[in-house]
Amino acid sequence: MQSEAPNPDYVIKAATEAEAGDVHEFLYSPRHPALRVRPLEDIEEMTRKGLLFVVWAAAENRIVGACYLSDPGQAEPGEPPNWELGGARVDAAHRGRNLFFAIAIGALTQLVASDETAGREIPVMGHVLRGNPAPRRTMQKLGFEIEREDESFDPDGYPGLEHMEVGEDGLIHADILRLPEAALCGILDAAVTLLESPEIRFKLRAFERPEYLREVRAEICQGE
């Protein structure tokens, strides 16, 4: 189990179904022009599958960050089956503390080191709006690489995009990023390092077994 600091500033955990409404409100009230709105039913389903993650500020006793993994079964028509890291939002008062990086490490480690997927290649992708550079920097720090630049989307063609920023052509423009297999070693290195963080405590199953996490890291990072 992660060594527990007496008073960590933040706790990163999987949201419960009872918290789905609070997470939905945090993510989408008000609506962010760079964030696709998912219906409450999707958020509830993510909590049931353990795919919705939150940052809890201990001193304030509230959610200050969130992201989700959208599973391949929710792929859009015509899109290849990929996990998607999305829904990333951090409260403005808590930015600049690498919380998006930490919660993404938690989510990706939970996926990579699960009993079902440990040691296997897992396709993970993400969308970042062209005019929203901050998450792109963090995604690239995580090891994501730009696969396709300036993809365009009709805001009326997908639910939850109607409020998002569009270009002069009336379309949403985004880059498609993908996490290469070679980046998984770095993800797990960061996870092992964060186990020792006094500011952040992970309440995720993958972090409850540090030795197993290190074994998965050793298997994936052979020869590195």
Protein backbone atom coordinates (compact mmCIF):
# COMPACT_ATOMS: atom_id res chain seq x y z
CA MET A 1 0.00 0.00 0.00
CA GLN A 2 1.14 3.56 -0.64
CA SER A 3 2.89 5.06 2.36
CA GLU A 4 0.29 7.41 3.80
CA ALA A 5 1.21 10.96 4.65
CA PRO A 6 -0.66 12.11 7.78
CA ASN A 7 -2.38 14.98 5.94
CA PRO A 8 -2.06 14.76 2.17
CA ASP A 9 -3.24 17.81 0.26
CA TYR A 10 -5.00 15.72 -2.37
CA VAL A 11 -6.54 12.28 -2.74
CA ILE A 12 -6.90 10.71 -6.19
CA LYS A 13 -9.52 8.00 -6.42
CA ALA A 14 -12.17 6.44 -8.61
CA ALA A 15 -15.46 8.30 -8.28
CA THR A 16 -18.38 6.37 -6.84
CA GLU A 17 -21.77 6.18 -8.49
CA ALA A 18 -23.14 8.35 -5.68
CA GLU A 19 -20.65 11.06 -6.71
CA ALA A 20 -21.57 10.98 -10.41
CA GLY A 21 -23.87 13.99 -10.17
CA ASP A 22 -21.24 16.04 -8.34
CA VAL A 23 -18.59 15.15 -10.93
CA HIS A 24 -20.96 15.98 -13.79
CA GLU A 25 -21.62 19.39 -12.24
CA PHE A 26 -17.90 19.98 -11.65
CA LEU A 27 -17.02 19.14 -15.24
CA TYR A 28 -19.83 20.94 -17.03
CA SER A 29 -21.21 23.75 -14.86
CA PRO A 30 -20.43 26.08 -16.45
CA ARG A 31 -19.71 24.44 -19.77
CA HIS A 32 -16.11 24.79 -20.88
CA PRO A 33 -15.64 25.67 -24.57
CA ALA A 34 -12.83 23.10 -24.88
CA LEU A 35 -14.59 20.21 -23.12
CA ARG A 36 -17.13 17.86 -24.66
CA VAL A 37 -20.23 17.47 -22.48
CA ARG A 38 -21.09 13.88 -21.66
CA PRO A 39 -24.61 13.11 -20.42
CA LEU A 40 -25.06 12.16 -16.79
CA GLU A 41 -25.89 8.61 -17.89
CA ASP A 42 -22.40 8.26 -19.41
CA ILE A 43 -20.79 9.59 -16.24
CA GLU A 44 -22.79 7.15 -14.10
CA GLU A 45 -21.75 4.27 -16.37
CA MET A 46 -18.10 5.29 -16.06
CA THR A 47 -18.35 5.21 -12.27
CA ARG A 48 -19.85 1.73 -12.38
CA LYS A 49 -16.91 0.57 -14.50
CA GLY A 50 -14.32 2.37 -12.36
CA LEU A 51 -13.29 4.63 -15.26
CA LEU A 52 -14.02 8.06 -13.76
CA PHE A 53 -11.29 9.57 -11.59
CA VAL A 54 -11.34 12.58 -9.30
CA VAL A 55 -8.92 14.71 -7.31
CA TRP A 56 -10.27 15.44 -3.84
CA ALA A 57 -8.90 18.46 -1.98
CA ALA A 58 -8.67 17.33 1.64
CA ALA A 59 -8.71 20.79 3.22
CA GLU A 60 -11.73 21.93 1.20
CA ASN A 61 -13.52 18.57 1.22
CA ARG A 62 -14.51 18.83 -2.44
CA ILE A 63 -13.65 17.69 -5.95
CA VAL A 64 -11.06 19.91 -7.64
CA GLY A 65 -10.10 17.76 -10.61
CA ALA A 66 -11.43 14.97 -12.79
CA CYS A 67 -10.78 12.90 -15.90
CA TYR A 68 -12.13 9.72 -17.37
CA LEU A 69 -11.22 6.77 -19.53
CA SER A 70 -13.80 6.10 -22.22
CA ASP A 71 -13.74 2.38 -22.98
CA PRO A 72 -13.58 0.91 -26.50
CA GLY A 73 -17.23 -0.10 -26.30
CA GLN A 74 -18.13 3.61 -26.42
CA ALA A 75 -16.17 4.32 -29.63
CA GLU A 76 -17.89 6.58 -32.13
CA PRO A 77 -19.23 4.96 -35.33
CA GLY A 78 -16.41 4.53 -37.82
CA GLU A 79 -13.70 5.09 -35.19
CA PRO A 80 -11.25 2.29 -34.25
CA PRO A 81 -11.73 0.77 -30.78
CA ASN A 82 -9.41 2.75 -28.50
CA TRP A 83 -9.42 3.77 -24.92
CA GLU A 84 -9.67 7.56 -24.68
CA LEU A 85 -8.29 9.75 -21.93
CA GLY A 86 -10.70 12.66 -21.72
CA GLY A 87 -12.81 14.95 -19.57
CA ALA A 88 -9.75 16.54 -17.99
CA ARG A 89 -10.53 19.54 -15.82
CA VAL A 90 -8.80 21.07 -12.81
CA ASP A 91 -10.27 23.82 -10.65
CA ALA A 92 -8.62 27.15 -11.48
CA ALA A 93 -7.49 27.68 -7.87
CA HIS A 94 -5.57 24.39 -7.96
CA ARG A 95 -3.82 24.66 -11.30
CA GLY A 96 -0.04 24.78 -11.52
CA ARG A 97 0.36 21.79 -9.17
CA ASN A 98 0.59 19.05 -11.81
CA LEU A 99 -2.79 17.64 -10.81
CA PHE A 100 -3.83 16.77 -14.36
CA PHE A 101 -0.55 14.92 -14.77
CA ALA A 102 -1.06 13.08 -11.47
CA ILE A 103 -4.68 12.08 -12.06
CA ALA A 104 -3.83 10.96 -15.61
CA ILE A 105 -0.97 8.85 -14.24
CA GLY A 106 -3.43 7.33 -11.79
CA ALA A 107 -5.99 6.57 -14.49
CA LEU A 108 -3.48 5.15 -16.98
CA THR A 109 -1.71 3.10 -14.31
CA GLN A 110 -5.04 1.67 -13.20
CA LEU A 111 -5.61 0.61 -16.81
CA VAL A 112 -2.09 -0.63 -17.60
CA ALA A 113 -1.56 -2.51 -14.32
CA SER A 114 -4.99 -4.10 -13.98
CA ASP A 115 -5.08 -7.88 -13.66
CA GLU A 116 -6.86 -8.10 -17.03
CA THR A 117 -4.45 -5.94 -19.06
CA ALA A 118 -1.06 -6.12 -17.28
CA GLY A 119 1.77 -6.48 -19.76
CA ARG A 120 -0.43 -6.06 -22.83
CA GLU A 121 -0.35 -3.27 -25.38
CA ILE A 122 -3.31 -0.98 -24.72
CA PRO A 123 -4.36 1.57 -27.35
CA VAL A 124 -5.05 4.95 -25.70
CA MET A 125 -5.78 8.17 -27.53
CA GLY A 126 -6.97 11.68 -26.78
CA HIS A 127 -8.36 14.79 -28.49
CA VAL A 128 -6.97 18.26 -27.80
CA LEU A 129 -8.46 21.40 -29.35
CA ARG A 130 -6.04 23.36 -31.51
CA GLY A 131 -6.65 26.50 -29.46
CA ASN A 132 -6.16 24.82 -26.08
CA PRO A 133 -2.39 24.28 -25.63
CA ALA A 134 -2.26 23.60 -21.86
CA PRO A 135 -3.59 20.01 -21.92
CA ARG A 136 -1.51 19.27 -25.02
CA ARG A 137 1.67 20.04 -23.05
CA THR A 138 0.61 17.69 -20.26
CA MET A 139 -0.43 14.96 -22.68
CA GLN A 140 2.97 15.15 -24.36
CA LYS A 141 4.65 15.06 -20.94
CA LEU A 142 2.73 11.83 -20.34
CA GLY A 143 4.24 10.46 -23.56
CA PHE A 144 1.36 11.01 -25.99
CA GLU A 145 2.39 11.79 -29.54
CA ILE A 146 0.45 13.70 -32.16
CA GLU A 147 -0.97 11.18 -34.61
CA ARG A 148 -3.10 13.50 -36.74
CA GLU A 149 -3.08 17.29 -36.76
CA ASP A 150 -5.99 19.63 -37.32
CA GLU A 151 -8.79 17.10 -37.61
CA SER A 152 -12.15 18.81 -38.08
CA PHE A 153 -15.45 17.87 -36.48
CA ASP A 154 -18.96 19.11 -37.15
CA PRO A 155 -20.32 20.37 -33.80
CA ASP A 156 -23.77 19.20 -34.85
CA GLY A 157 -22.49 15.76 -35.77
CA TYR A 158 -21.64 14.56 -32.27
CA PRO A 159 -23.65 15.03 -29.07
CA GLY A 160 -22.04 17.33 -26.51
CA LEU A 161 -20.03 19.44 -28.96
CA GLU A 162 -22.63 22.11 -29.70
CA HIS A 163 -21.11 24.70 -27.32
CA MET A 164 -17.46 24.22 -28.30
CA GLU A 165 -15.21 26.70 -30.05
CA VAL A 166 -15.33 26.57 -33.84
CA GLY A 167 -13.13 28.03 -36.56
CA GLU A 168 -14.14 30.34 -39.36
CA ASP A 169 -15.36 27.30 -41.26
CA GLY A 170 -17.84 26.50 -38.47
CA LEU A 171 -15.97 23.30 -37.53
CA ILE A 172 -14.15 22.23 -34.39
CA HIS A 173 -10.43 21.69 -34.98
CA ALA A 174 -8.45 19.28 -32.82
CA ASP A 175 -5.28 17.23 -32.80
CA ILE A 176 -5.49 13.48 -32.25
CA LEU A 177 -2.84 12.15 -29.87
CA ARG A 178 -1.90 8.56 -29.16
CA LEU A 179 0.04 6.94 -26.34
CA PRO A 180 2.72 4.70 -27.90
CA GLU A 181 3.63 1.44 -26.24
CA ALA A 182 7.10 2.82 -25.52
CA ALA A 183 5.55 5.45 -23.23
CA LEU A 184 4.04 2.90 -20.84
CA CYS A 185 7.39 2.50 -19.07
CA GLY A 186 7.44 6.23 -18.31
CA ILE A 187 3.85 6.09 -17.04
CA LEU A 188 4.74 3.36 -14.58
CA ASP A 189 7.97 5.10 -13.55
CA ALA A 190 5.92 8.18 -12.69
CA ALA A 191 3.41 6.05 -10.79
CA VAL A 192 6.15 4.46 -8.67
CA THR A 193 7.61 7.92 -7.96
CA LEU A 194 4.21 9.32 -6.98
CA LEU A 195 3.80 6.50 -4.46
CA GLU A 196 6.26 8.45 -2.31
CA SER A 197 4.54 11.83 -2.68
CA PRO A 198 3.60 13.42 0.67
CA GLU A 199 1.10 15.74 -1.03
CA ILE A 200 -0.92 13.18 -2.99
CA ARG A 201 -2.44 9.91 -1.86
CA PHE A 202 -3.79 7.43 -4.41
CA LYS A 203 -6.81 5.39 -3.39
CA LEU A 204 -6.75 3.19 -6.48
CA ARG A 205 -6.40 -0.57 -6.60
CA ALA A 206 -3.22 -0.45 -8.71
CA PHE A 207 -1.51 1.59 -6.00
CA GLU A 208 -2.55 -0.70 -3.15
CA ARG A 209 0.01 -3.29 -4.28
CA PRO A 210 3.30 -1.45 -4.85
CA GLU A 211 5.27 -4.66 -5.36
CA TYR A 212 2.86 -5.83 -8.05
CA LEU A 213 3.05 -2.38 -9.66
CA ARG A 214 6.84 -2.67 -9.71
CA GLU A 215 6.57 -6.16 -11.22
CA VAL A 216 4.37 -4.86 -14.03
CA ARG A 217 6.83 -2.02 -14.58
CA ALA A 218 9.73 -4.47 -14.76
CA GLU A 219 7.84 -6.63 -17.29
CA ILE A 220 6.91 -3.70 -19.54
CA CYS A 221 10.28 -1.96 -19.23
CA GLN A 222 12.51 -4.97 -19.96
CA GLY A 223 15.73 -3.80 -21.57
CA GLU A 224 15.23 -0.13 -20.64
